[in-house]
Amino acid sequence: MASCNWRGSLVSLGSMRYIEPHAHMVSRTTDDYTAMVTAGCQAVCEPAFWAGFDRRTAEGFHDYFLQLVDYEPRRAKKYLLPHYCWLCINPKESEDVKLAEEVISLIPSLLDRKSVLGIGEIGLNKNSRNEYKILEMHIQLAVDHNQLILVHTPHLEDKLKGTRLILQALKNFPTIDPSRVIIDHVEEHTARLVLDAGYWAGMTLYPESKCTPARAVDILEILGTERLWLNSACDWGHSDPLAVPKAGLEMRRRGYTEEQVDAVLYHNPVQFLSQSPHFQI
């Protein structure tokens, strides 16, 4: 399990408050919970995720869902951090349509759990036909149960094409309110597409891929701060559970006021997430 070297950073992070709206805490250590709370984290939200290997049975996913809705909130509570989650079968495991259909059928019975925010992180990985079919099934599930949606966009060279496909899939469901959908992992070449379509956009702060804190603040300076949030998406790979407050430090360095930093790191995710009746902060 991954951990972070956080102790030397806490003094500089100050009294900043923030929401971590996308983190895979089942792959993190309890030291990371302590670091996040000390740095000012007020709540953490965990989308369903790939485990680093392809799961072979619906029963395996069911156990994982129970880990998200039952065990992980109890673990986080020990460190005074509210924990919420999203449910889905992730795009990397969506090629097996029969398995994906079985997994999706498990989700409705868990949507009333008090920690569940909606359906996510759904989306595309290699932009395949099967992935697209399962994406549409997830969107239909969200529509049928009036759930928020969190979407994963593909990595690197597939991101622009995948983002356009995702936008088309969402457009096929005209009853969806765009303000209830966040499309995550946007970068310079996709952020405006998402915002212009009326959706929320998430910027993921990775040390080696996606956005660095500096790049994310560059995007904020170009596009403004409306309907944008920052997240670490920290997982079992090279990632940083304190990436969001570090981006806040970059905002401060560039002259943003405390109120402006608070608006992006705290109020924006609260505004989106509070559309779920389960989110209480």
C-alpha atoms as a PDB file:
ATOM      1  CA  MET A   1       0.000   0.000   0.000  1.00  0.00           C
ATOM      2  CA  ALA A   2       1.204   3.471  -0.876  1.00  0.00           C
ATOM      3  CA  SER A   3       2.078   6.153   1.628  1.00  0.00           C
ATOM      4  CA  CYS A   4       3.443   9.666   1.510  1.00  0.00           C
ATOM      5  CA  ASN A   5       6.219  11.622   3.130  1.00  0.00           C
ATOM      6  CA  TRP A   6       4.041  14.416   4.522  1.00  0.00           C
ATOM      7  CA  ARG A   7       5.452  15.535   7.848  1.00  0.00           C
ATOM      8  CA  GLY A   8       7.729  18.199   6.433  1.00  0.00           C
ATOM      9  CA  SER A   9       4.875  19.870   4.555  1.00  0.00           C
ATOM     10  CA  LEU A  10       2.338  20.496   7.288  1.00  0.00           C
ATOM     11  CA  VAL A  11       3.623  23.774   8.658  1.00  0.00           C
ATOM     12  CA  SER A  12       3.619  25.438   5.238  1.00  0.00           C
ATOM     13  CA  LEU A  13       0.066  24.280   4.466  1.00  0.00           C
ATOM     14  CA  GLY A  14      -1.274  26.468   7.264  1.00  0.00           C
ATOM     15  CA  SER A  15      -4.977  26.640   8.102  1.00  0.00           C
ATOM     16  CA  MET A  16      -6.253  25.930   4.586  1.00  0.00           C
ATOM     17  CA  ARG A  17      -9.474  23.916   4.381  1.00  0.00           C
ATOM     18  CA  TYR A  18     -10.361  21.748   1.421  1.00  0.00           C
ATOM     19  CA  ILE A  19     -12.387  18.800   0.167  1.00  0.00           C
ATOM     20  CA  GLU A  20     -10.599  15.857  -1.446  1.00  0.00           C
ATOM     21  CA  PRO A  21     -13.279  14.949  -4.000  1.00  0.00           C
ATOM     22  CA  HIS A  22     -11.467  12.053  -5.700  1.00  0.00           C
ATOM     23  CA  ALA A  23      -9.127   9.761  -3.768  1.00  0.00           C
ATOM     24  CA  HIS A  24      -8.747   5.981  -3.672  1.00  0.00           C
ATOM     25  CA  MET A  25      -8.235   5.574   0.046  1.00  0.00           C
ATOM     26  CA  VAL A  26      -8.518   1.782   0.146  1.00  0.00           C
ATOM     27  CA  SER A  27      -5.011   1.823  -1.350  1.00  0.00           C
ATOM     28  CA  ARG A  28      -3.615   4.358   1.150  1.00  0.00           C
ATOM     29  CA  THR A  29      -2.271   4.033   4.672  1.00  0.00           C
ATOM     30  CA  THR A  30      -3.762   5.483   7.825  1.00  0.00           C
ATOM     31  CA  ASP A  31      -0.818   7.914   7.965  1.00  0.00           C
ATOM     32  CA  ASP A  32      -2.298   9.496   4.835  1.00  0.00           C
ATOM     33  CA  TYR A  33      -5.602  10.080   6.633  1.00  0.00           C
ATOM     34  CA  THR A  34      -3.713  11.802   9.444  1.00  0.00           C
ATOM     35  CA  ALA A  35      -1.784  13.946   6.972  1.00  0.00           C
ATOM     36  CA  MET A  36      -4.905  15.004   5.097  1.00  0.00           C
ATOM     37  CA  VAL A  37      -6.827  15.973   8.231  1.00  0.00           C
ATOM     38  CA  THR A  38      -3.853  17.891   9.598  1.00  0.00           C
ATOM     39  CA  ALA A  39      -3.546  19.763   6.293  1.00  0.00           C
ATOM     40  CA  GLY A  40      -7.194  20.865   6.497  1.00  0.00           C
ATOM     41  CA  CYS A  41      -9.191  18.177   4.679  1.00  0.00           C
ATOM     42  CA  GLN A  42     -12.877  18.323   5.638  1.00  0.00           C
ATOM     43  CA  ALA A  43     -14.138  15.280   3.691  1.00  0.00           C
ATOM     44  CA  VAL A  44     -12.852  12.690   1.233  1.00  0.00           C
ATOM     45  CA  CYS A  45     -14.796  11.111  -1.646  1.00  0.00           C
ATOM     46  CA  GLU A  46     -13.770   7.785  -3.178  1.00  0.00           C
ATOM     47  CA  PRO A  47     -14.947   6.672  -6.632  1.00  0.00           C
ATOM     48  CA  ALA A  48     -15.020   2.972  -7.445  1.00  0.00           C
ATOM     49  CA  PHE A  49     -11.735   2.057  -9.068  1.00  0.00           C
ATOM     50  CA  TRP A  50      -9.553  -0.513 -10.772  1.00  0.00           C
ATOM     51  CA  ALA A  51      -7.708  -2.605  -8.187  1.00  0.00           C
ATOM     52  CA  GLY A  52      -4.491  -2.905 -10.210  1.00  0.00           C
ATOM     53  CA  PHE A  53      -5.746  -6.187 -11.662  1.00  0.00           C
ATOM     54  CA  ASP A  54      -8.936  -7.263 -13.419  1.00  0.00           C
ATOM     55  CA  ARG A  55     -11.494  -8.799 -11.082  1.00  0.00           C
ATOM     56  CA  ARG A  56     -13.134 -11.902 -12.510  1.00  0.00           C
ATOM     57  CA  THR A  57     -16.478 -12.197 -10.729  1.00  0.00           C
ATOM     58  CA  ALA A  58     -19.402 -10.033  -9.719  1.00  0.00           C
ATOM     59  CA  GLU A  59     -18.958 -11.372  -6.192  1.00  0.00           C
ATOM     60  CA  GLY A  60     -15.503  -9.799  -6.069  1.00  0.00           C
ATOM     61  CA  PHE A  61     -16.994  -6.435  -6.992  1.00  0.00           C
ATOM     62  CA  HIS A  62     -19.740  -6.855  -4.419  1.00  0.00           C
ATOM     63  CA  ASP A  63     -17.161  -7.320  -1.671  1.00  0.00           C
ATOM     64  CA  TYR A  64     -15.323  -4.229  -2.936  1.00  0.00           C
ATOM     65  CA  PHE A  65     -18.523  -2.184  -2.879  1.00  0.00           C
ATOM     66  CA  LEU A  66     -19.119  -3.235   0.718  1.00  0.00           C
ATOM     67  CA  GLN A  67     -15.575  -2.128   1.525  1.00  0.00           C
ATOM     68  CA  LEU A  68     -16.402   1.302   0.081  1.00  0.00           C
ATOM     69  CA  VAL A  69     -19.779   1.790   1.746  1.00  0.00           C
ATOM     70  CA  ASP A  70     -19.102   0.109   5.109  1.00  0.00           C
ATOM     71  CA  TYR A  71     -15.487  -0.456   6.086  1.00  0.00           C
ATOM     72  CA  GLU A  72     -13.668   2.554   4.663  1.00  0.00           C
ATOM     73  CA  PRO A  73     -16.009   5.148   6.246  1.00  0.00           C
ATOM     74  CA  ARG A  74     -15.363   3.501   9.623  1.00  0.00           C
ATOM     75  CA  ARG A  75     -11.610   3.584   9.065  1.00  0.00           C
ATOM     76  CA  ALA A  76     -11.698   7.240   8.038  1.00  0.00           C
ATOM     77  CA  LYS A  77     -13.893   8.164  11.011  1.00  0.00           C
ATOM     78  CA  LYS A  78     -11.115   7.064  13.360  1.00  0.00           C
ATOM     79  CA  TYR A  79      -9.076   9.926  11.904  1.00  0.00           C
ATOM     80  CA  LEU A  80     -11.990  12.408  12.091  1.00  0.00           C
ATOM     81  CA  LEU A  81     -12.518  12.485   8.334  1.00  0.00           C
ATOM     82  CA  PRO A  82     -15.958  11.963   6.736  1.00  0.00           C
ATOM     83  CA  HIS A  83     -15.723   9.449   3.871  1.00  0.00           C
ATOM     84  CA  TYR A  84     -18.075   9.216   0.887  1.00  0.00           C
ATOM     85  CA  CYS A  85     -18.006   6.981  -2.187  1.00  0.00           C
ATOM     86  CA  TRP A  86     -19.252   6.441  -5.727  1.00  0.00           C
ATOM     87  CA  LEU A  87     -20.174   3.067  -7.255  1.00  0.00           C
ATOM     88  CA  CYS A  88     -19.640   1.541 -10.718  1.00  0.00           C
ATOM     89  CA  ILE A  89     -17.547  -0.936 -12.656  1.00  0.00           C
ATOM     90  CA  ASN A  90     -14.589   1.073 -13.894  1.00  0.00           C
ATOM     91  CA  PRO A  91     -13.814   1.483 -17.608  1.00  0.00           C
ATOM     92  CA  LYS A  92     -10.693  -0.736 -17.503  1.00  0.00           C
ATOM     93  CA  GLU A  93     -12.883  -3.712 -16.582  1.00  0.00           C
ATOM     94  CA  SER A  94     -15.752  -2.949 -18.947  1.00  0.00           C
ATOM     95  CA  GLU A  95     -14.613  -5.038 -21.920  1.00  0.00           C
ATOM     96  CA  ASP A  96     -16.371  -8.096 -20.481  1.00  0.00           C
ATOM     97  CA  VAL A  97     -19.936  -6.935 -21.099  1.00  0.00           C
ATOM     98  CA  LYS A  98     -21.595  -9.869 -19.345  1.00  0.00           C
ATOM     99  CA  LEU A  99     -19.551  -9.297 -16.188  1.00  0.00           C
ATOM    100  CA  ALA A 100     -20.194  -5.568 -16.350  1.00  0.00           C
ATOM    101  CA  GLU A 101     -23.941  -6.137 -16.604  1.00  0.00           C
ATOM    102  CA  GLU A 102     -23.815  -8.388 -13.552  1.00  0.00           C
ATOM    103  CA  VAL A 103     -21.850  -5.811 -11.585  1.00  0.00           C
ATOM    104  CA  ILE A 104     -24.160  -2.955 -12.552  1.00  0.00           C
ATOM    105  CA  SER A 105     -27.148  -5.014 -11.369  1.00  0.00           C
ATOM    106  CA  LEU A 106     -25.643  -5.014  -7.853  1.00  0.00           C
ATOM    107  CA  ILE A 107     -25.511  -1.233  -7.534  1.00  0.00           C
ATOM    108  CA  PRO A 108     -29.177  -0.162  -7.090  1.00  0.00           C
ATOM    109  CA  SER A 109     -29.499  -1.968  -3.746  1.00  0.00           C
ATOM    110  CA  LEU A 110     -26.583   0.074  -2.360  1.00  0.00           C
ATOM    111  CA  LEU A 111     -27.571   3.547  -3.537  1.00  0.00           C
ATOM    112  CA  ASP A 112     -29.497   4.344  -0.362  1.00  0.00           C
ATOM    113  CA  ARG A 113     -26.428   3.865   1.835  1.00  0.00           C
ATOM    114  CA  LYS A 114     -25.697   7.178   3.532  1.00  0.00           C
ATOM    115  CA  SER A 115     -22.124   7.400   2.206  1.00  0.00           C
ATOM    116  CA  VAL A 116     -22.980   6.876  -1.487  1.00  0.00           C
ATOM    117  CA  LEU A 117     -22.895  10.019  -3.665  1.00  0.00           C
ATOM    118  CA  GLY A 118     -23.723   8.588  -7.093  1.00  0.00           C
ATOM    119  CA  ILE A 119     -22.384   6.648 -10.064  1.00  0.00           C
ATOM    120  CA  GLY A 120     -18.644   6.867 -10.776  1.00  0.00           C
ATOM    121  CA  GLU A 121     -15.994   6.860 -11.904  1.00  0.00           C
ATOM    122  CA  ILE A 122     -17.522   5.686 -15.149  1.00  0.00           C
ATOM    123  CA  GLY A 123     -16.153   6.599 -18.555  1.00  0.00           C
ATOM    124  CA  LEU A 124     -13.715   5.290 -21.130  1.00  0.00           C
ATOM    125  CA  ASN A 125     -10.228   3.799 -21.058  1.00  0.00           C
ATOM    126  CA  LYS A 126      -9.365   2.703 -24.618  1.00  0.00           C
ATOM    127  CA  ASN A 127     -12.472   4.185 -26.237  1.00  0.00           C
ATOM    128  CA  SER A 128     -13.737   0.758 -27.294  1.00  0.00           C
ATOM    129  CA  ARG A 129     -17.286  -0.135 -28.295  1.00  0.00           C
ATOM    130  CA  ASN A 130     -17.795  -2.309 -25.236  1.00  0.00           C
ATOM    131  CA  GLU A 131     -16.592   0.459 -22.930  1.00  0.00           C
ATOM    132  CA  TYR A 132     -18.978   2.871 -24.622  1.00  0.00           C
ATOM    133  CA  LYS A 133     -21.881   0.434 -24.191  1.00  0.00           C
ATOM    134  CA  ILE A 134     -21.172   0.067 -20.468  1.00  0.00           C
ATOM    135  CA  LEU A 135     -20.780   3.831 -20.136  1.00  0.00           C
ATOM    136  CA  GLU A 136     -24.295   4.249 -21.521  1.00  0.00           C
ATOM    137  CA  MET A 137     -25.624   1.595 -19.143  1.00  0.00           C
ATOM    138  CA  HIS A 138     -24.128   3.490 -16.212  1.00  0.00           C
ATOM    139  CA  ILE A 139     -25.637   6.759 -17.407  1.00  0.00           C
ATOM    140  CA  GLN A 140     -29.035   5.076 -17.700  1.00  0.00           C
ATOM    141  CA  LEU A 141     -28.627   3.743 -14.156  1.00  0.00           C
ATOM    142  CA  ALA A 142     -27.901   7.250 -12.898  1.00  0.00           C
ATOM    143  CA  VAL A 143     -30.911   8.646 -14.758  1.00  0.00           C
ATOM    144  CA  ASP A 144     -33.218   5.930 -13.439  1.00  0.00           C
ATOM    145  CA  HIS A 145     -32.151   6.571  -9.832  1.00  0.00           C
ATOM    146  CA  ASN A 146     -31.569  10.345  -9.992  1.00  0.00           C
ATOM    147  CA  GLN A 147     -27.877  10.029  -9.130  1.00  0.00           C
ATOM    148  CA  LEU A 148     -24.917  12.340  -9.585  1.00  0.00           C
ATOM    149  CA  ILE A 149     -22.358  11.195 -12.174  1.00  0.00           C
ATOM    150  CA  LEU A 150     -18.550  11.271 -12.040  1.00  0.00           C
ATOM    151  CA  VAL A 151     -16.797  10.488 -15.340  1.00  0.00           C
ATOM    152  CA  HIS A 152     -13.232   9.312 -15.953  1.00  0.00           C
ATOM    153  CA  THR A 153     -11.616  10.529 -19.179  1.00  0.00           C
ATOM    154  CA  PRO A 154      -8.866   8.416 -20.793  1.00  0.00           C
ATOM    155  CA  HIS A 155      -5.175   9.037 -20.396  1.00  0.00           C
ATOM    156  CA  LEU A 156      -2.718  10.802 -22.675  1.00  0.00           C
ATOM    157  CA  GLU A 157      -3.234  10.409 -26.432  1.00  0.00           C
ATOM    158  CA  ASP A 158      -6.767   8.993 -26.049  1.00  0.00           C
ATOM    159  CA  LYS A 159      -8.058  11.832 -23.862  1.00  0.00           C
ATOM    160  CA  LEU A 160      -9.388  14.232 -26.498  1.00  0.00           C
ATOM    161  CA  LYS A 161     -11.153  11.524 -28.512  1.00  0.00           C
ATOM    162  CA  GLY A 162     -12.480   9.928 -25.351  1.00  0.00           C
ATOM    163  CA  THR A 163     -13.769  13.215 -23.980  1.00  0.00           C
ATOM    164  CA  ARG A 164     -15.666  13.870 -27.200  1.00  0.00           C
ATOM    165  CA  LEU A 165     -17.180  10.369 -27.069  1.00  0.00           C
ATOM    166  CA  ILE A 166     -18.203  10.879 -23.440  1.00  0.00           C
ATOM    167  CA  LEU A 167     -19.863  14.187 -24.254  1.00  0.00           C
ATOM    168  CA  GLN A 168     -21.762  12.472 -27.072  1.00  0.00           C
ATOM    169  CA  ALA A 169     -22.884   9.656 -24.774  1.00  0.00           C
ATOM    170  CA  LEU A 170     -24.205  12.165 -22.231  1.00  0.00           C
ATOM    171  CA  LYS A 171     -25.944  14.129 -24.999  1.00  0.00           C
ATOM    172  CA  ASN A 172     -27.872  10.964 -25.863  1.00  0.00           C
ATOM    173  CA  PHE A 173     -29.679  11.344 -22.519  1.00  0.00           C
ATOM    174  CA  PRO A 174     -31.482  14.691 -22.885  1.00  0.00           C
ATOM    175  CA  THR A 175     -33.041  14.561 -19.407  1.00  0.00           C
ATOM    176  CA  ILE A 176     -29.630  14.776 -17.708  1.00  0.00           C
ATOM    177  CA  ASP A 177     -28.923  18.050 -15.954  1.00  0.00           C
ATOM    178  CA  PRO A 178     -25.291  18.919 -16.853  1.00  0.00           C
ATOM    179  CA  SER A 179     -24.817  20.600 -13.479  1.00  0.00           C
ATOM    180  CA  ARG A 180     -25.130  17.124 -11.880  1.00  0.00           C
ATOM    181  CA  VAL A 181     -22.256  15.632 -13.915  1.00  0.00           C
ATOM    182  CA  ILE A 182     -18.526  16.139 -13.341  1.00  0.00           C
ATOM    183  CA  ILE A 183     -16.075  15.048 -16.027  1.00  0.00           C
ATOM    184  CA  ASP A 184     -12.730  14.407 -14.389  1.00  0.00           C
ATOM    185  CA  HIS A 185      -9.049  14.404 -15.386  1.00  0.00           C
ATOM    186  CA  VAL A 186      -9.456  17.355 -17.766  1.00  0.00           C
ATOM    187  CA  GLU A 187      -6.340  19.041 -19.110  1.00  0.00           C
ATOM    188  CA  GLU A 188      -5.581  22.085 -21.240  1.00  0.00           C
ATOM    189  CA  HIS A 189      -7.022  20.568 -24.423  1.00  0.00           C
ATOM    190  CA  THR A 190     -10.258  19.202 -22.914  1.00  0.00           C
ATOM    191  CA  ALA A 191     -11.306  21.529 -20.071  1.00  0.00           C
ATOM    192  CA  ARG A 192     -13.051  24.086 -22.274  1.00  0.00           C
ATOM    193  CA  LEU A 193     -14.991  21.374 -24.155  1.00  0.00           C
ATOM    194  CA  VAL A 194     -16.432  20.141 -20.861  1.00  0.00           C
ATOM    195  CA  LEU A 195     -17.237  23.554 -19.431  1.00  0.00           C
ATOM    196  CA  ASP A 196     -18.764  24.858 -22.667  1.00  0.00           C
ATOM    197  CA  ALA A 197     -21.139  21.868 -22.636  1.00  0.00           C
ATOM    198  CA  GLY A 198     -22.353  22.915 -19.174  1.00  0.00           C
ATOM    199  CA  TYR A 199     -20.716  20.168 -17.120  1.00  0.00           C
ATOM    200  CA  TRP A 200     -18.421  20.446 -14.140  1.00  0.00           C
ATOM    201  CA  ALA A 201     -14.733  19.713 -14.761  1.00  0.00           C
ATOM    202  CA  GLY A 202     -12.237  18.065 -12.433  1.00  0.00           C
ATOM    203  CA  MET A 203      -8.480  18.580 -12.626  1.00  0.00           C
ATOM    204  CA  THR A 204      -6.372  15.731 -11.276  1.00  0.00           C
ATOM    205  CA  LEU A 205      -2.995  16.533  -9.748  1.00  0.00           C
ATOM    206  CA  TYR A 206      -0.484  13.754 -10.418  1.00  0.00           C
ATOM    207  CA  PRO A 207       3.289  14.026  -9.935  1.00  0.00           C
ATOM    208  CA  GLU A 208       4.076  12.446 -13.336  1.00  0.00           C
ATOM    209  CA  SER A 209       0.917  12.649 -15.453  1.00  0.00           C
ATOM    210  CA  LYS A 210      -2.263  14.681 -15.765  1.00  0.00           C
ATOM    211  CA  CYS A 211      -1.910  18.152 -14.178  1.00  0.00           C
ATOM    212  CA  THR A 212       0.767  19.439 -11.861  1.00  0.00           C
ATOM    213  CA  PRO A 213      -0.397  22.080  -9.367  1.00  0.00           C
ATOM    214  CA  ALA A 214       1.233  24.760 -11.533  1.00  0.00           C
ATOM    215  CA  ARG A 215      -0.535  23.569 -14.696  1.00  0.00           C
ATOM    216  CA  ALA A 216      -3.851  23.407 -12.847  1.00  0.00           C
ATOM    217  CA  VAL A 217      -3.508  26.992 -11.659  1.00  0.00           C
ATOM    218  CA  ASP A 218      -2.571  28.005 -15.221  1.00  0.00           C
ATOM    219  CA  ILE A 219      -5.905  26.530 -16.360  1.00  0.00           C
ATOM    220  CA  LEU A 220      -7.754  28.394 -13.599  1.00  0.00           C
ATOM    221  CA  GLU A 221      -6.159  31.627 -14.781  1.00  0.00           C
ATOM    222  CA  ILE A 222      -7.342  30.992 -18.343  1.00  0.00           C
ATOM    223  CA  LEU A 223     -10.817  29.560 -17.708  1.00  0.00           C
ATOM    224  CA  GLY A 224     -11.763  31.031 -14.341  1.00  0.00           C
ATOM    225  CA  THR A 225     -12.901  29.097 -11.284  1.00  0.00           C
ATOM    226  CA  GLU A 226     -16.573  28.339 -11.966  1.00  0.00           C
ATOM    227  CA  ARG A 227     -17.577  24.650 -12.140  1.00  0.00           C
ATOM    228  CA  LEU A 228     -14.019  23.438 -11.537  1.00  0.00           C
ATOM    229  CA  TRP A 229     -12.564  21.359  -8.745  1.00  0.00           C
ATOM    230  CA  LEU A 230      -9.111  19.984  -7.938  1.00  0.00           C
ATOM    231  CA  ASN A 231      -8.400  16.437  -6.777  1.00  0.00           C
ATOM    232  CA  SER A 232      -5.434  14.166  -6.172  1.00  0.00           C
ATOM    233  CA  ALA A 233      -6.957  10.825  -7.285  1.00  0.00           C
ATOM    234  CA  CYS A 234      -4.286   9.320  -5.027  1.00  0.00           C
ATOM    235  CA  ASP A 235      -4.068   5.545  -5.353  1.00  0.00           C
ATOM    236  CA  TRP A 236      -1.554   2.687  -5.163  1.00  0.00           C
ATOM    237  CA  GLY A 237       0.640   4.328  -7.817  1.00  0.00           C
ATOM    238  CA  HIS A 238       2.904   7.376  -7.701  1.00  0.00           C
ATOM    239  CA  SER A 239       0.489   9.962  -6.330  1.00  0.00           C
ATOM    240  CA  ASP A 240       0.214  12.552  -3.584  1.00  0.00           C
ATOM    241  CA  PRO A 241      -2.701  12.714  -1.098  1.00  0.00           C
ATOM    242  CA  LEU A 242      -1.706  16.311  -0.300  1.00  0.00           C
ATOM    243  CA  ALA A 243      -1.753  17.505  -3.910  1.00  0.00           C
ATOM    244  CA  VAL A 244      -4.872  19.646  -3.418  1.00  0.00           C
ATOM    245  CA  PRO A 245      -3.553  21.826  -0.572  1.00  0.00           C
ATOM    246  CA  LYS A 246      -0.240  22.084  -2.428  1.00  0.00           C
ATOM    247  CA  ALA A 247      -2.167  23.519  -5.381  1.00  0.00           C
ATOM    248  CA  GLY A 248      -3.687  25.943  -2.889  1.00  0.00           C
ATOM    249  CA  LEU A 249      -0.176  27.037  -1.951  1.00  0.00           C
ATOM    250  CA  GLU A 250       0.547  27.644  -5.637  1.00  0.00           C
ATOM    251  CA  MET A 251      -2.578  29.803  -5.833  1.00  0.00           C
ATOM    252  CA  ARG A 252      -1.389  31.806  -2.825  1.00  0.00           C
ATOM    253  CA  ARG A 253       2.041  32.223  -4.382  1.00  0.00           C
ATOM    254  CA  ARG A 254       0.442  33.758  -7.471  1.00  0.00           C
ATOM    255  CA  GLY A 255      -1.535  36.270  -5.460  1.00  0.00           C
ATOM    256  CA  TYR A 256      -4.919  34.621  -5.038  1.00  0.00           C
ATOM    257  CA  THR A 257      -6.679  35.726  -1.855  1.00  0.00           C
ATOM    258  CA  GLU A 258      -7.598  33.326   0.937  1.00  0.00           C
ATOM    259  CA  GLU A 259     -11.243  33.683  -0.127  1.00  0.00           C
ATOM    260  CA  GLN A 260     -10.419  32.739  -3.718  1.00  0.00           C
ATOM    261  CA  VAL A 261      -8.416  29.700  -2.632  1.00  0.00           C
ATOM    262  CA  ASP A 262     -11.251  28.644  -0.313  1.00  0.00           C
ATOM    263  CA  ALA A 263     -13.755  29.026  -3.154  1.00  0.00           C
ATOM    264  CA  VAL A 264     -11.865  26.600  -5.396  1.00  0.00           C
ATOM    265  CA  LEU A 265     -10.662  24.037  -2.857  1.00  0.00           C
ATOM    266  CA  TYR A 266     -13.697  23.971  -0.571  1.00  0.00           C
ATOM    267  CA  HIS A 267     -16.806  25.738  -1.831  1.00  0.00           C
ATOM    268  CA  ASN A 268     -16.714  24.407  -5.405  1.00  0.00           C
ATOM    269  CA  PRO A 269     -16.712  20.718  -4.452  1.00  0.00           C
ATOM    270  CA  VAL A 270     -19.224  21.381  -1.677  1.00  0.00           C
ATOM    271  CA  GLN A 271     -21.514  23.070  -4.197  1.00  0.00           C
ATOM    272  CA  PHE A 272     -21.418  20.091  -6.543  1.00  0.00           C
ATOM    273  CA  LEU A 273     -21.487  17.314  -3.958  1.00  0.00           C
ATOM    274  CA  SER A 274     -24.304  18.879  -1.934  1.00  0.00           C
ATOM    275  CA  GLN A 275     -26.631  18.012  -4.796  1.00  0.00           C
ATOM    276  CA  SER A 276     -26.568  14.548  -3.231  1.00  0.00           C
ATOM    277  CA  PRO A 277     -28.753  14.399  -0.102  1.00  0.00           C
ATOM    278  CA  HIS A 278     -26.136  12.101   1.445  1.00  0.00           C
ATOM    279  CA  PHE A 279     -23.379  14.713   1.450  1.00  0.00           C
ATOM    280  CA  GLN A 280     -23.320  16.540   4.763  1.00  0.00           C
ATOM    281  CA  ILE A 281     -20.515  18.906   5.703  1.00  0.00           C
END
